[in-house]
Amino acid sequence: MLRVLKLAEEVGETAQAVIGVSGQNPRKGYSHTWRDVESELCDVVLTAMVALRTLTPDAEQVFAEHVRKVTERSLGPAPGTEPRATPAPGPATAR
């Protein structure tokens, strides 16, 4: 649970950097650079991966499978592969 809270903190720091790079805080003005935003985004990615690894020892496999699913959903199935069948809505999903 604390890893997820840390992730929320890092996302907040990323938001602060975006606010700072765009000068949206009248009290602070332009307080960040795009390099700061990039760095904060990297912290988000690393913190999320640590949280995933804390949750499961199979983090690499879980992440790879998720990336495969997102890629397939975004780009379609890889050439030469069969698309996965989508189950028909059952009583629990038919609403």
PDB file of N, CA and C in Angstrom:
ATOM      1  N   MET A   1       0.823  -1.192   0.000  1.00  0.00           N
ATOM      2  CA  MET A   1       0.000   0.000   0.000  1.00  0.00           C
ATOM      3  C   MET A   1       0.871   1.261   0.000  1.00  0.00           C
ATOM      4  N   LEU A   2       1.968   1.231   0.750  1.00  0.00           N
ATOM      5  CA  LEU A   2       2.832   2.422   0.799  1.00  0.00           C
ATOM      6  C   LEU A   2       3.474   2.708  -0.552  1.00  0.00           C
ATOM      7  N   ARG A   3       3.754   1.666  -1.330  1.00  0.00           N
ATOM      8  CA  ARG A   3       4.314   1.870  -2.674  1.00  0.00           C
ATOM      9  C   ARG A   3       3.315   2.612  -3.561  1.00  0.00           C
ATOM     10  N   VAL A   4       2.049   2.309  -3.414  1.00  0.00           N
ATOM     11  CA  VAL A   4       1.020   3.000  -4.210  1.00  0.00           C
ATOM     12  C   VAL A   4       0.915   4.450  -3.761  1.00  0.00           C
ATOM     13  N   LEU A   5       1.023   4.691  -2.458  1.00  0.00           N
ATOM     14  CA  LEU A   5       1.017   6.075  -1.982  1.00  0.00           C
ATOM     15  C   LEU A   5       2.226   6.839  -2.515  1.00  0.00           C
ATOM     16  N   LYS A   6       3.369   6.183  -2.564  1.00  0.00           N
ATOM     17  CA  LYS A   6       4.567   6.808  -3.124  1.00  0.00           C
ATOM     18  C   LYS A   6       4.351   7.136  -4.598  1.00  0.00           C
ATOM     19  N   LEU A   7       3.670   6.249  -5.300  1.00  0.00           N
ATOM     20  CA  LEU A   7       3.362   6.499  -6.713  1.00  0.00           C
ATOM     21  C   LEU A   7       2.493   7.747  -6.849  1.00  0.00           C
ATOM     22  N   ALA A   8       1.490   7.872  -5.986  1.00  0.00           N
ATOM     23  CA  ALA A   8       0.629   9.062  -6.019  1.00  0.00           C
ATOM     24  C   ALA A   8       1.448  10.323  -5.757  1.00  0.00           C
ATOM     25  N   GLU A   9       2.399  10.236  -4.857  1.00  0.00           N
ATOM     26  CA  GLU A   9       3.274  11.378  -4.576  1.00  0.00           C
ATOM     27  C   GLU A   9       4.067  11.775  -5.815  1.00  0.00           C
ATOM     28  N   GLU A  10       4.613  10.793  -6.507  1.00  0.00           N
ATOM     29  CA  GLU A  10       5.403  11.074  -7.712  1.00  0.00           C
ATOM     30  C   GLU A  10       4.540  11.677  -8.817  1.00  0.00           C
ATOM     31  N   VAL A  11       3.309  11.215  -8.958  1.00  0.00           N
ATOM     32  CA  VAL A  11       2.403  11.802  -9.945  1.00  0.00           C
ATOM     33  C   VAL A  11       2.123  13.258  -9.584  1.00  0.00           C
ATOM     34  N   GLY A  12       1.943  13.526  -8.286  1.00  0.00           N
ATOM     35  CA  GLY A  12       1.735  14.904  -7.834  1.00  0.00           C
ATOM     36  C   GLY A  12       2.932  15.795  -8.149  1.00  0.00           C
ATOM     37  N   GLU A  13       4.135  15.251  -7.982  1.00  0.00           N
ATOM     38  CA  GLU A  13       5.337  16.024  -8.308  1.00  0.00           C
ATOM     39  C   GLU A  13       5.412  16.296  -9.816  1.00  0.00           C
ATOM     40  N   THR A  14       4.958  15.348 -10.614  1.00  0.00           N
ATOM     41  CA  THR A  14       4.911  15.566 -12.059  1.00  0.00           C
ATOM     42  C   THR A  14       3.931  16.688 -12.387  1.00  0.00           C
ATOM     43  N   ALA A  15       2.776  16.676 -11.736  1.00  0.00           N
ATOM     44  CA  ALA A  15       1.785  17.736 -11.952  1.00  0.00           C
ATOM     45  C   ALA A  15       2.362  19.089 -11.538  1.00  0.00           C
ATOM     46  N   GLN A  16       3.076  19.125 -10.423  1.00  0.00           N
ATOM     47  CA  GLN A  16       3.711  20.377  -9.989  1.00  0.00           C
ATOM     48  C   GLN A  16       4.691  20.883 -11.044  1.00  0.00           C
ATOM     49  N   ALA A  17       5.456  19.971 -11.624  1.00  0.00           N
ATOM     50  CA  ALA A  17       6.423  20.369 -12.649  1.00  0.00           C
ATOM     51  C   ALA A  17       5.717  20.922 -13.882  1.00  0.00           C
ATOM     52  N   VAL A  18       4.603  20.310 -14.283  1.00  0.00           N
ATOM     53  CA  VAL A  18       3.847  20.814 -15.438  1.00  0.00           C
ATOM     54  C   VAL A  18       3.292  22.204 -15.133  1.00  0.00           C
ATOM     55  N   ILE A  19       2.774  22.381 -13.928  1.00  0.00           N
ATOM     56  CA  ILE A  19       2.286  23.707 -13.519  1.00  0.00           C
ATOM     57  C   ILE A  19       3.431  24.708 -13.541  1.00  0.00           C
ATOM     58  N   GLY A  20       4.587  24.292 -13.053  1.00  0.00           N
ATOM     59  CA  GLY A  20       5.751  25.176 -13.015  1.00  0.00           C
ATOM     60  C   GLY A  20       6.305  25.524 -14.377  1.00  0.00           C
ATOM     61  N   VAL A  21       6.282  24.569 -15.304  1.00  0.00           N
ATOM     62  CA  VAL A  21       6.815  24.839 -16.639  1.00  0.00           C
ATOM     63  C   VAL A  21       5.882  25.748 -17.431  1.00  0.00           C
ATOM     64  N   SER A  22       4.606  25.715 -17.074  1.00  0.00           N
ATOM     65  CA  SER A  22       3.642  26.551 -17.794  1.00  0.00           C
ATOM     66  C   SER A  22       3.338  27.859 -17.065  1.00  0.00           C
ATOM     67  N   GLY A  23       3.957  28.056 -15.898  1.00  0.00           N
ATOM     68  CA  GLY A  23       3.789  29.309 -15.165  1.00  0.00           C
ATOM     69  C   GLY A  23       2.397  29.513 -14.595  1.00  0.00           C
ATOM     70  N   GLN A  24       1.686  28.439 -14.307  1.00  0.00           N
ATOM     71  CA  GLN A  24       0.300  28.543 -13.859  1.00  0.00           C
ATOM     72  C   GLN A  24       0.141  28.914 -12.386  1.00  0.00           C
ATOM     73  N   ASN A  25       1.205  28.842 -11.611  1.00  0.00           N
ATOM     74  CA  ASN A  25       1.130  29.246 -10.209  1.00  0.00           C
ATOM     75  C   ASN A  25       1.586  30.700 -10.100  1.00  0.00           C
ATOM     76  N   PRO A  26       0.660  31.636  -9.837  1.00  0.00           N
ATOM     77  CA  PRO A  26       1.034  33.048  -9.811  1.00  0.00           C
ATOM     78  C   PRO A  26       2.091  33.374  -8.756  1.00  0.00           C
ATOM     79  N   ARG A  27       2.111  32.603  -7.697  1.00  0.00           N
ATOM     80  CA  ARG A  27       3.069  32.857  -6.624  1.00  0.00           C
ATOM     81  C   ARG A  27       4.491  32.444  -7.019  1.00  0.00           C
ATOM     82  N   LYS A  28       4.617  31.380  -7.807  1.00  0.00           N
ATOM     83  CA  LYS A  28       5.935  30.853  -8.170  1.00  0.00           C
ATOM     84  C   LYS A  28       6.348  31.202  -9.594  1.00  0.00           C
ATOM     85  N   GLY A  29       5.375  31.475 -10.460  1.00  0.00           N
ATOM     86  CA  GLY A  29       5.710  31.766 -11.857  1.00  0.00           C
ATOM     87  C   GLY A  29       6.280  30.549 -12.559  1.00  0.00           C
ATOM     88  N   TYR A  30       7.241  30.776 -13.429  1.00  0.00           N
ATOM     89  CA  TYR A  30       7.887  29.700 -14.175  1.00  0.00           C
ATOM     90  C   TYR A  30       8.980  29.105 -13.302  1.00  0.00           C
ATOM     91  N   SER A  31       8.685  27.982 -12.666  1.00  0.00           N
ATOM     92  CA  SER A  31       9.589  27.414 -11.675  1.00  0.00           C
ATOM     93  C   SER A  31      10.215  26.085 -12.103  1.00  0.00           C
ATOM     94  N   HIS A  32       9.798  25.534 -13.251  1.00  0.00           N
ATOM     95  CA  HIS A  32      10.311  24.244 -13.704  1.00  0.00           C
ATOM     96  C   HIS A  32      10.626  24.306 -15.194  1.00  0.00           C
ATOM     97  N   THR A  33      11.342  23.282 -15.646  1.00  0.00           N
ATOM     98  CA  THR A  33      11.667  23.138 -17.065  1.00  0.00           C
ATOM     99  C   THR A  33      11.030  21.850 -17.588  1.00  0.00           C
ATOM    100  N   TRP A  34      11.018  21.697 -18.903  1.00  0.00           N
ATOM    101  CA  TRP A  34      10.522  20.444 -19.468  1.00  0.00           C
ATOM    102  C   TRP A  34      11.409  19.287 -19.048  1.00  0.00           C
ATOM    103  N   ARG A  35      12.672  19.544 -18.814  1.00  0.00           N
ATOM    104  CA  ARG A  35      13.580  18.495 -18.319  1.00  0.00           C
ATOM    105  C   ARG A  35      13.123  18.019 -16.940  1.00  0.00           C
ATOM    106  N   ASP A  36      12.621  18.945 -16.109  1.00  0.00           N
ATOM    107  CA  ASP A  36      12.064  18.567 -14.803  1.00  0.00           C
ATOM    108  C   ASP A  36      10.848  17.654 -14.973  1.00  0.00           C
ATOM    109  N   VAL A  37       9.980  17.978 -15.934  1.00  0.00           N
ATOM    110  CA  VAL A  37       8.795  17.150 -16.196  1.00  0.00           C
ATOM    111  C   VAL A  37       9.239  15.753 -16.629  1.00  0.00           C
ATOM    112  N   GLU A  38      10.206  15.672 -17.531  1.00  0.00           N
ATOM    113  CA  GLU A  38      10.721  14.382 -17.982  1.00  0.00           C
ATOM    114  C   GLU A  38      11.263  13.569 -16.807  1.00  0.00           C
ATOM    115  N   SER A  39      12.022  14.223 -15.950  1.00  0.00           N
ATOM    116  CA  SER A  39      12.600  13.543 -14.792  1.00  0.00           C
ATOM    117  C   SER A  39      11.514  13.016 -13.856  1.00  0.00           C
ATOM    118  N   GLU A  40      10.487  13.820 -13.627  1.00  0.00           N
ATOM    119  CA  GLU A  40       9.390  13.390 -12.758  1.00  0.00           C
ATOM    120  C   GLU A  40       8.626  12.225 -13.381  1.00  0.00           C
ATOM    121  N   LEU A  41       8.435  12.247 -14.692  1.00  0.00           N
ATOM    122  CA  LEU A  41       7.774  11.123 -15.357  1.00  0.00           C
ATOM    123  C   LEU A  41       8.599   9.844 -15.217  1.00  0.00           C
ATOM    124  N   CYS A  42       9.904   9.963 -15.306  1.00  0.00           N
ATOM    125  CA  CYS A  42      10.770   8.795 -15.098  1.00  0.00           C
ATOM    126  C   CYS A  42      10.612   8.267 -13.675  1.00  0.00           C
ATOM    127  N   ASP A  43      10.507   9.172 -12.704  1.00  0.00           N
ATOM    128  CA  ASP A  43      10.280   8.745 -11.318  1.00  0.00           C
ATOM    129  C   ASP A  43       8.963   7.996 -11.178  1.00  0.00           C
ATOM    130  N   VAL A  44       7.933   8.446 -11.900  1.00  0.00           N
ATOM    131  CA  VAL A  44       6.635   7.756 -11.870  1.00  0.00           C
ATOM    132  C   VAL A  44       6.797   6.331 -12.395  1.00  0.00           C
ATOM    133  N   VAL A  45       7.469   6.187 -13.529  1.00  0.00           N
ATOM    134  CA  VAL A  45       7.657   4.861 -14.130  1.00  0.00           C
ATOM    135  C   VAL A  45       8.430   3.953 -13.178  1.00  0.00           C
ATOM    136  N   LEU A  46       9.526   4.436 -12.644  1.00  0.00           N
ATOM    137  CA  LEU A  46      10.338   3.618 -11.743  1.00  0.00           C
ATOM    138  C   LEU A  46       9.572   3.231 -10.486  1.00  0.00           C
ATOM    139  N   THR A  47       8.847   4.176  -9.917  1.00  0.00           N
ATOM    140  CA  THR A  47       8.081   3.899  -8.703  1.00  0.00           C
ATOM    141  C   THR A  47       6.980   2.877  -8.975  1.00  0.00           C
ATOM    142  N   ALA A  48       6.337   2.985 -10.134  1.00  0.00           N
ATOM    143  CA  ALA A  48       5.305   2.010 -10.494  1.00  0.00           C
ATOM    144  C   ALA A  48       5.912   0.616 -10.664  1.00  0.00           C
ATOM    145  N   MET A  49       7.071   0.539 -11.276  1.00  0.00           N
ATOM    146  CA  MET A  49       7.709  -0.768 -11.464  1.00  0.00           C
ATOM    147  C   MET A  49       8.128  -1.373 -10.120  1.00  0.00           C
ATOM    148  N   VAL A  50       8.606  -0.553  -9.207  1.00  0.00           N
ATOM    149  CA  VAL A  50       8.951  -1.055  -7.868  1.00  0.00           C
ATOM    150  C   VAL A  50       7.694  -1.559  -7.160  1.00  0.00           C
ATOM    151  N   ALA A  51       6.596  -0.828  -7.296  1.00  0.00           N
ATOM    152  CA  ALA A  51       5.337  -1.261  -6.687  1.00  0.00           C
ATOM    153  C   ALA A  51       4.887  -2.591  -7.282  1.00  0.00           C
ATOM    154  N   LEU A  52       4.995  -2.738  -8.600  1.00  0.00           N
ATOM    155  CA  LEU A  52       4.601  -3.983  -9.255  1.00  0.00           C
ATOM    156  C   LEU A  52       5.480  -5.129  -8.780  1.00  0.00           C
ATOM    157  N   ARG A  53       6.768  -4.891  -8.685  1.00  0.00           N
ATOM    158  CA  ARG A  53       7.706  -5.945  -8.235  1.00  0.00           C
ATOM    159  C   ARG A  53       7.437  -6.315  -6.775  1.00  0.00           C
ATOM    160  N   THR A  54       7.031  -5.357  -5.978  1.00  0.00           N
ATOM    161  CA  THR A  54       6.696  -5.640  -4.586  1.00  0.00           C
ATOM    162  C   THR A  54       5.445  -6.520  -4.511  1.00  0.00           C
ATOM    163  N   LEU A  55       4.525  -6.308  -5.440  1.00  0.00           N
ATOM    164  CA  LEU A  55       3.271  -7.052  -5.466  1.00  0.00           C
ATOM    165  C   LEU A  55       3.463  -8.489  -5.946  1.00  0.00           C
ATOM    166  N   THR A  56       4.333  -8.678  -6.953  1.00  0.00           N
ATOM    167  CA  THR A  56       4.503 -10.011  -7.537  1.00  0.00           C
ATOM    168  C   THR A  56       5.954 -10.252  -7.928  1.00  0.00           C
ATOM    169  N   PRO A  57       6.458 -11.455  -7.678  1.00  0.00           N
ATOM    170  CA  PRO A  57       7.811 -11.767  -8.149  1.00  0.00           C
ATOM    171  C   PRO A  57       7.863 -11.927  -9.668  1.00  0.00           C
ATOM    172  N   ASP A  58       6.699 -12.059 -10.317  1.00  0.00           N
ATOM    173  CA  ASP A  58       6.633 -12.210 -11.773  1.00  0.00           C
ATOM    174  C   ASP A  58       6.386 -10.878 -12.466  1.00  0.00           C
ATOM    175  N   ALA A  59       6.886  -9.794 -11.911  1.00  0.00           N
ATOM    176  CA  ALA A  59       6.612  -8.451 -12.431  1.00  0.00           C
ATOM    177  C   ALA A  59       6.992  -8.318 -13.903  1.00  0.00           C
ATOM    178  N   GLU A  60       8.120  -8.871 -14.293  1.00  0.00           N
ATOM    179  CA  GLU A  60       8.552  -8.748 -15.692  1.00  0.00           C
ATOM    180  C   GLU A  60       7.552  -9.418 -16.627  1.00  0.00           C
ATOM    181  N   GLN A  61       7.094 -10.610 -16.271  1.00  0.00           N
ATOM    182  CA  GLN A  61       6.121 -11.330 -17.091  1.00  0.00           C
ATOM    183  C   GLN A  61       4.773 -10.612 -17.094  1.00  0.00           C
ATOM    184  N   VAL A  62       4.338 -10.146 -15.939  1.00  0.00           N
ATOM    185  CA  VAL A  62       3.057  -9.432 -15.845  1.00  0.00           C
ATOM    186  C   VAL A  62       3.098  -8.178 -16.707  1.00  0.00           C
ATOM    187  N   PHE A  63       4.192  -7.430 -16.633  1.00  0.00           N
ATOM    188  CA  PHE A  63       4.325  -6.202 -17.407  1.00  0.00           C
ATOM    189  C   PHE A  63       4.381  -6.506 -18.909  1.00  0.00           C
ATOM    190  N   ALA A  64       5.154  -7.511 -19.288  1.00  0.00           N
ATOM    191  CA  ALA A  64       5.269  -7.870 -20.712  1.00  0.00           C
ATOM    192  C   ALA A  64       3.909  -8.276 -21.278  1.00  0.00           C
ATOM    193  N   GLU A  65       3.135  -9.050 -20.525  1.00  0.00           N
ATOM    194  CA  GLU A  65       1.813  -9.466 -20.979  1.00  0.00           C
ATOM    195  C   GLU A  65       0.885  -8.261 -21.106  1.00  0.00           C
ATOM    196  N   HIS A  66       0.983  -7.341 -20.164  1.00  0.00           N
ATOM    197  CA  HIS A  66       0.142  -6.142 -20.230  1.00  0.00           C
ATOM    198  C   HIS A  66       0.502  -5.289 -21.453  1.00  0.00           C
ATOM    199  N   VAL A  67       1.789  -5.118 -21.696  1.00  0.00           N
ATOM    200  CA  VAL A  67       2.233  -4.352 -22.867  1.00  0.00           C
ATOM    201  C   VAL A  67       1.739  -5.026 -24.149  1.00  0.00           C
ATOM    202  N   ARG A  68       1.791  -6.365 -24.192  1.00  0.00           N
ATOM    203  CA  ARG A  68       1.301  -7.085 -25.361  1.00  0.00           C
ATOM    204  C   ARG A  68      -0.184  -6.805 -25.575  1.00  0.00           C
ATOM    205  N   LYS A  69      -0.970  -6.846 -24.505  1.00  0.00           N
ATOM    206  CA  LYS A  69      -2.413  -6.599 -24.617  1.00  0.00           C
ATOM    207  C   LYS A  69      -2.700  -5.170 -25.075  1.00  0.00           C
ATOM    208  N   VAL A  70      -1.992  -4.215 -24.510  1.00  0.00           N
ATOM    209  CA  VAL A  70      -2.203  -2.816 -24.892  1.00  0.00           C
ATOM    210  C   VAL A  70      -1.795  -2.609 -26.346  1.00  0.00           C
ATOM    211  N   THR A  71      -0.700  -3.219 -26.749  1.00  0.00           N
ATOM    212  CA  THR A  71      -0.247  -3.107 -28.133  1.00  0.00           C
ATOM    213  C   THR A  71      -1.271  -3.702 -29.081  1.00  0.00           C
ATOM    214  N   GLU A  72      -1.776  -4.879 -28.744  1.00  0.00           N
ATOM    215  CA  GLU A  72      -2.774  -5.522 -29.592  1.00  0.00           C
ATOM    216  C   GLU A  72      -4.046  -4.691 -29.670  1.00  0.00           C
ATOM    217  N   ARG A  73      -4.453  -4.144 -28.542  1.00  0.00           N
ATOM    218  CA  ARG A  73      -5.658  -3.315 -28.514  1.00  0.00           C
ATOM    219  C   ARG A  73      -5.455  -2.044 -29.346  1.00  0.00           C
ATOM    220  N   SER A  74      -4.249  -1.504 -29.306  1.00  0.00           N
ATOM    221  CA  SER A  74      -3.964  -0.252 -30.007  1.00  0.00           C
ATOM    222  C   SER A  74      -3.686  -0.446 -31.490  1.00  0.00           C
ATOM    223  N   LEU A  75      -2.922  -1.482 -31.822  1.00  0.00           N
ATOM    224  CA  LEU A  75      -2.458  -1.663 -33.193  1.00  0.00           C
ATOM    225  C   LEU A  75      -3.085  -2.847 -33.901  1.00  0.00           C
ATOM    226  N   GLY A  76      -3.797  -3.689 -33.166  1.00  0.00           N
ATOM    227  CA  GLY A  76      -4.325  -4.914 -33.737  1.00  0.00           C
ATOM    228  C   GLY A  76      -3.330  -6.042 -33.519  1.00  0.00           C
ATOM    229  N   PRO A  77      -3.730  -7.275 -33.812  1.00  0.00           N
ATOM    230  CA  PRO A  77      -2.837  -8.412 -33.587  1.00  0.00           C
ATOM    231  C   PRO A  77      -1.616  -8.350 -34.505  1.00  0.00           C
ATOM    232  N   ALA A  78      -0.544  -8.949 -34.043  1.00  0.00           N
ATOM    233  CA  ALA A  78       0.683  -9.010 -34.845  1.00  0.00           C
ATOM    234  C   ALA A  78       0.405  -9.797 -36.121  1.00  0.00           C
ATOM    235  N   PRO A  79       1.050  -9.439 -37.227  1.00  0.00           N
ATOM    236  CA  PRO A  79       0.845 -10.173 -38.485  1.00  0.00           C
ATOM    237  C   PRO A  79       1.145 -11.652 -38.284  1.00  0.00           C
ATOM    238  N   GLY A  80       0.286 -12.491 -38.842  1.00  0.00           N
ATOM    239  CA  GLY A  80       0.486 -13.930 -38.738  1.00  0.00           C
ATOM    240  C   GLY A  80      -0.063 -14.556 -37.472  1.00  0.00           C
ATOM    241  N   THR A  81      -0.742 -13.770 -36.633  1.00  0.00           N
ATOM    242  CA  THR A  81      -1.326 -14.331 -35.417  1.00  0.00           C
ATOM    243  C   THR A  81      -2.836 -14.196 -35.493  1.00  0.00           C
ATOM    244  N   GLU A  82      -3.501 -15.065 -34.805  1.00  0.00           N
ATOM    245  CA  GLU A  82      -4.959 -15.022 -34.750  1.00  0.00           C
ATOM    246  C   GLU A  82      -5.390 -14.028 -33.677  1.00  0.00           C
ATOM    247  N   PRO A  83      -6.367 -13.189 -33.963  1.00  0.00           N
ATOM    248  CA  PRO A  83      -6.871 -12.308 -32.902  1.00  0.00           C
ATOM    249  C   PRO A  83      -7.535 -13.143 -31.820  1.00  0.00           C
ATOM    250  N   ARG A  84      -7.449 -12.677 -30.593  1.00  0.00           N
ATOM    251  CA  ARG A  84      -8.081 -13.377 -29.483  1.00  0.00           C
ATOM    252  C   ARG A  84      -9.583 -13.199 -29.568  1.00  0.00           C
ATOM    253  N   ALA A  85     -10.296 -14.281 -29.304  1.00  0.00           N
ATOM    254  CA  ALA A  85     -11.750 -14.230 -29.328  1.00  0.00           C
ATOM    255  C   ALA A  85     -12.244 -13.466 -28.115  1.00  0.00           C
ATOM    256  N   THR A  86     -13.220 -12.621 -28.322  1.00  0.00           N
ATOM    257  CA  THR A  86     -13.852 -11.893 -27.228  1.00  0.00           C
ATOM    258  C   THR A  86     -15.067 -12.681 -26.784  1.00  0.00           C
ATOM    259  N   PRO A  87     -15.135 -13.040 -25.479  1.00  0.00           N
ATOM    260  CA  PRO A  87     -16.277 -13.825 -25.033  1.00  0.00           C
ATOM    261  C   PRO A  87     -17.574 -13.039 -25.180  1.00  0.00           C
ATOM    262  N   ALA A  88     -18.635 -13.783 -25.490  1.00  0.00           N
ATOM    263  CA  ALA A  88     -19.956 -13.169 -25.595  1.00  0.00           C
ATOM    264  C   ALA A  88     -20.391 -12.713 -24.207  1.00  0.00           C
ATOM    265  N   PRO A  89     -21.131 -11.601 -24.145  1.00  0.00           N
ATOM    266  CA  PRO A  89     -21.580 -11.132 -22.826  1.00  0.00           C
ATOM    267  C   PRO A  89     -22.453 -12.182 -22.154  1.00  0.00           C
ATOM    268  N   GLY A  90     -22.151 -12.446 -20.906  1.00  0.00           N
ATOM    269  CA  GLY A  90     -22.927 -13.384 -20.111  1.00  0.00           C
ATOM    270  C   GLY A  90     -23.827 -12.627 -19.169  1.00  0.00           C
ATOM    271  N   PRO A  91     -24.474 -13.331 -18.273  1.00  0.00           N
ATOM    272  CA  PRO A  91     -25.408 -12.669 -17.340  1.00  0.00           C
ATOM    273  C   PRO A  91     -24.739 -11.585 -16.507  1.00  0.00           C
ATOM    274  N   ALA A  92     -23.470 -11.789 -16.155  1.00  0.00           N
ATOM    275  CA  ALA A  92     -22.798 -10.805 -15.310  1.00  0.00           C
ATOM    276  C   ALA A  92     -22.406  -9.561 -16.081  1.00  0.00           C
ATOM    277  N   THR A  93     -22.188  -9.699 -17.402  1.00  0.00           N
ATOM    278  CA  THR A  93     -21.727  -8.551 -18.184  1.00  0.00           C
ATOM    279  C   THR A  93     -22.806  -7.935 -19.046  1.00  0.00           C
ATOM    280  N   ALA A  94     -23.922  -8.611 -19.212  1.00  0.00           N
ATOM    281  CA  ALA A  94     -24.985  -8.081 -20.069  1.00  0.00           C
ATOM    282  C   ALA A  94     -25.856  -7.121 -19.280  1.00  0.00           C
ATOM    283  N   ARG A  95     -25.567  -5.842 -19.423  1.00  0.00           N
ATOM    284  CA  ARG A  95     -26.341  -4.798 -18.724  1.00  0.00           C
ATOM    285  C   ARG A  95     -26.607  -3.665 -19.655  1.00  0.00           C
TER     286      ARG A  95
END
